[in-house]
Amino acid sequence: MKESTFLGDRLVGEFVNDSEVTVTGPIDISVVCLDSSGAILGNARGFTDKDEAAPGESVPFQVTFYGGIDCTNFLVAGRGYSF
């Protein structure tokens, strides 16, 4: 991930393909929200805005959280496919 920010009820950011091959999708984004002590508050999944990312390319995403979770502390992971 390049950069991610929690805005209201969603996490927005950029997935960066740091591999040497093109990644195709759908490119899945997983987010885990944590409290200040590191305990898990919730998780959510979403997808990037594009279904393909060339090596070094950044692709925007947003993942929406429902139920009022304050996700100011989080971990983000992304995955796609290469054939």
C-alpha atoms as a PDB file:
ATOM      1  CA  MET A   1       0.000   0.000   0.000  1.00  0.00           C
ATOM      2  CA  LYS A   2       1.175   3.470  -0.748  1.00  0.00           C
ATOM      3  CA  GLU A   3      -1.003   5.527   1.558  1.00  0.00           C
ATOM      4  CA  SER A   4      -4.347   5.002   3.304  1.00  0.00           C
ATOM      5  CA  THR A   5      -6.610   7.303   5.321  1.00  0.00           C
ATOM      6  CA  PHE A   6      -9.799   6.689   7.294  1.00  0.00           C
ATOM      7  CA  LEU A   7     -12.466   9.229   6.257  1.00  0.00           C
ATOM      8  CA  GLY A   8     -15.834   9.049   8.016  1.00  0.00           C
ATOM      9  CA  ASP A   9     -17.020   5.498   7.345  1.00  0.00           C
ATOM     10  CA  ARG A  10     -14.435   4.335   4.802  1.00  0.00           C
ATOM     11  CA  LEU A  11     -10.745   3.749   4.280  1.00  0.00           C
ATOM     12  CA  VAL A  12      -9.358   5.248   1.076  1.00  0.00           C
ATOM     13  CA  GLY A  13      -5.910   4.654  -0.313  1.00  0.00           C
ATOM     14  CA  GLU A  14      -3.706   3.339  -3.079  1.00  0.00           C
ATOM     15  CA  PHE A  15      -2.643  -0.239  -3.742  1.00  0.00           C
ATOM     16  CA  VAL A  16       0.875  -0.402  -5.209  1.00  0.00           C
ATOM     17  CA  ASN A  17       1.950  -3.373  -7.274  1.00  0.00           C
ATOM     18  CA  ASP A  18       5.472  -3.897  -5.950  1.00  0.00           C
ATOM     19  CA  SER A  19       5.992  -7.142  -7.877  1.00  0.00           C
ATOM     20  CA  GLU A  20       7.753  -7.553 -11.220  1.00  0.00           C
ATOM     21  CA  VAL A  21       4.642  -8.811 -13.052  1.00  0.00           C
ATOM     22  CA  THR A  22       1.260  -7.311 -13.909  1.00  0.00           C
ATOM     23  CA  VAL A  23      -1.406  -8.111 -11.301  1.00  0.00           C
ATOM     24  CA  THR A  24      -4.921  -8.732 -12.571  1.00  0.00           C
ATOM     25  CA  GLY A  25      -8.133  -8.794 -10.653  1.00  0.00           C
ATOM     26  CA  PRO A  26     -10.341  -8.299  -9.218  1.00  0.00           C
ATOM     27  CA  ILE A  27      -7.690  -6.866  -6.886  1.00  0.00           C
ATOM     28  CA  ASP A  28      -8.940  -7.513  -3.351  1.00  0.00           C
ATOM     29  CA  ILE A  29      -8.270  -5.169  -0.410  1.00  0.00           C
ATOM     30  CA  SER A  30      -8.647  -6.409   3.191  1.00  0.00           C
ATOM     31  CA  VAL A  31      -8.663  -4.042   6.184  1.00  0.00           C
ATOM     32  CA  VAL A  32      -8.511  -4.833   9.910  1.00  0.00           C
ATOM     33  CA  CYS A  33      -9.410  -2.023  12.346  1.00  0.00           C
ATOM     34  CA  LEU A  34      -7.618  -1.936  15.695  1.00  0.00           C
ATOM     35  CA  ASP A  35      -8.110  -0.028  18.918  1.00  0.00           C
ATOM     36  CA  SER A  36      -5.193   1.818  20.553  1.00  0.00           C
ATOM     37  CA  SER A  37      -4.053  -1.366  22.375  1.00  0.00           C
ATOM     38  CA  GLY A  38      -4.059  -3.438  19.158  1.00  0.00           C
ATOM     39  CA  ALA A  39      -7.299  -5.347  19.773  1.00  0.00           C
ATOM     40  CA  ILE A  40      -9.360  -6.029  16.647  1.00  0.00           C
ATOM     41  CA  LEU A  41     -12.501  -3.888  16.321  1.00  0.00           C
ATOM     42  CA  GLY A  42     -13.637  -5.194  12.948  1.00  0.00           C
ATOM     43  CA  ASN A  43     -12.668  -5.979   9.397  1.00  0.00           C
ATOM     44  CA  ALA A  44     -13.929  -5.280   5.890  1.00  0.00           C
ATOM     45  CA  ARG A  45     -13.081  -6.064   2.291  1.00  0.00           C
ATOM     46  CA  GLY A  46     -13.307  -4.169  -0.956  1.00  0.00           C
ATOM     47  CA  PHE A  47     -11.708  -3.888  -4.377  1.00  0.00           C
ATOM     48  CA  THR A  48      -9.510  -1.481  -6.270  1.00  0.00           C
ATOM     49  CA  ASP A  49     -11.009   0.839  -8.885  1.00  0.00           C
ATOM     50  CA  LYS A  50      -9.131  -1.019 -11.655  1.00  0.00           C
ATOM     51  CA  ASP A  51      -8.783  -4.730 -12.372  1.00  0.00           C
ATOM     52  CA  GLU A  52      -5.151  -4.529 -13.437  1.00  0.00           C
ATOM     53  CA  ALA A  53      -1.933  -3.010 -12.084  1.00  0.00           C
ATOM     54  CA  ALA A  54       1.379  -3.025 -13.953  1.00  0.00           C
ATOM     55  CA  PRO A  55       4.642  -3.346 -11.995  1.00  0.00           C
ATOM     56  CA  GLY A  56       5.077  -0.182  -9.889  1.00  0.00           C
ATOM     57  CA  GLU A  57       1.577   1.108 -10.702  1.00  0.00           C
ATOM     58  CA  SER A  58      -0.693   2.601  -8.001  1.00  0.00           C
ATOM     59  CA  VAL A  59      -4.417   1.818  -8.095  1.00  0.00           C
ATOM     60  CA  PRO A  60      -6.960   3.656  -5.875  1.00  0.00           C
ATOM     61  CA  PHE A  61      -9.384   1.845  -3.567  1.00  0.00           C
ATOM     62  CA  GLN A  62     -11.934   2.487  -0.869  1.00  0.00           C
ATOM     63  CA  VAL A  63     -13.360   0.076   1.702  1.00  0.00           C
ATOM     64  CA  THR A  64     -16.542   1.080   3.544  1.00  0.00           C
ATOM     65  CA  PHE A  65     -17.207   0.203   7.202  1.00  0.00           C
ATOM     66  CA  TYR A  66     -20.734  -0.102   8.506  1.00  0.00           C
ATOM     67  CA  GLY A  67     -21.823   0.158  12.129  1.00  0.00           C
ATOM     68  CA  GLY A  68     -19.840   3.186  13.265  1.00  0.00           C
ATOM     69  CA  ILE A  69     -16.390   1.637  13.676  1.00  0.00           C
ATOM     70  CA  ASP A  70     -13.680   4.225  14.312  1.00  0.00           C
ATOM     71  CA  CYS A  71     -10.899   2.828  12.161  1.00  0.00           C
ATOM     72  CA  THR A  72      -8.111   5.307  12.869  1.00  0.00           C
ATOM     73  CA  ASN A  73      -5.684   2.407  13.529  1.00  0.00           C
ATOM     74  CA  PHE A  74      -5.650  -0.217  10.798  1.00  0.00           C
ATOM     75  CA  LEU A  75      -3.776  -2.845   8.800  1.00  0.00           C
ATOM     76  CA  VAL A  76      -4.292  -3.112   5.036  1.00  0.00           C
ATOM     77  CA  ALA A  77      -3.426  -5.933   2.627  1.00  0.00           C
ATOM     78  CA  GLY A  78      -4.048  -6.292  -1.089  1.00  0.00           C
ATOM     79  CA  ARG A  79      -3.905  -9.217  -3.470  1.00  0.00           C
ATOM     80  CA  GLY A  80      -4.475  -9.987  -7.101  1.00  0.00           C
ATOM     81  CA  TYR A  81      -3.452 -12.596  -9.615  1.00  0.00           C
ATOM     82  CA  SER A  82      -0.655 -13.010 -12.135  1.00  0.00           C
ATOM     83  CA  PHE A  83      -0.907 -15.557 -14.916  1.00  0.00           C
END
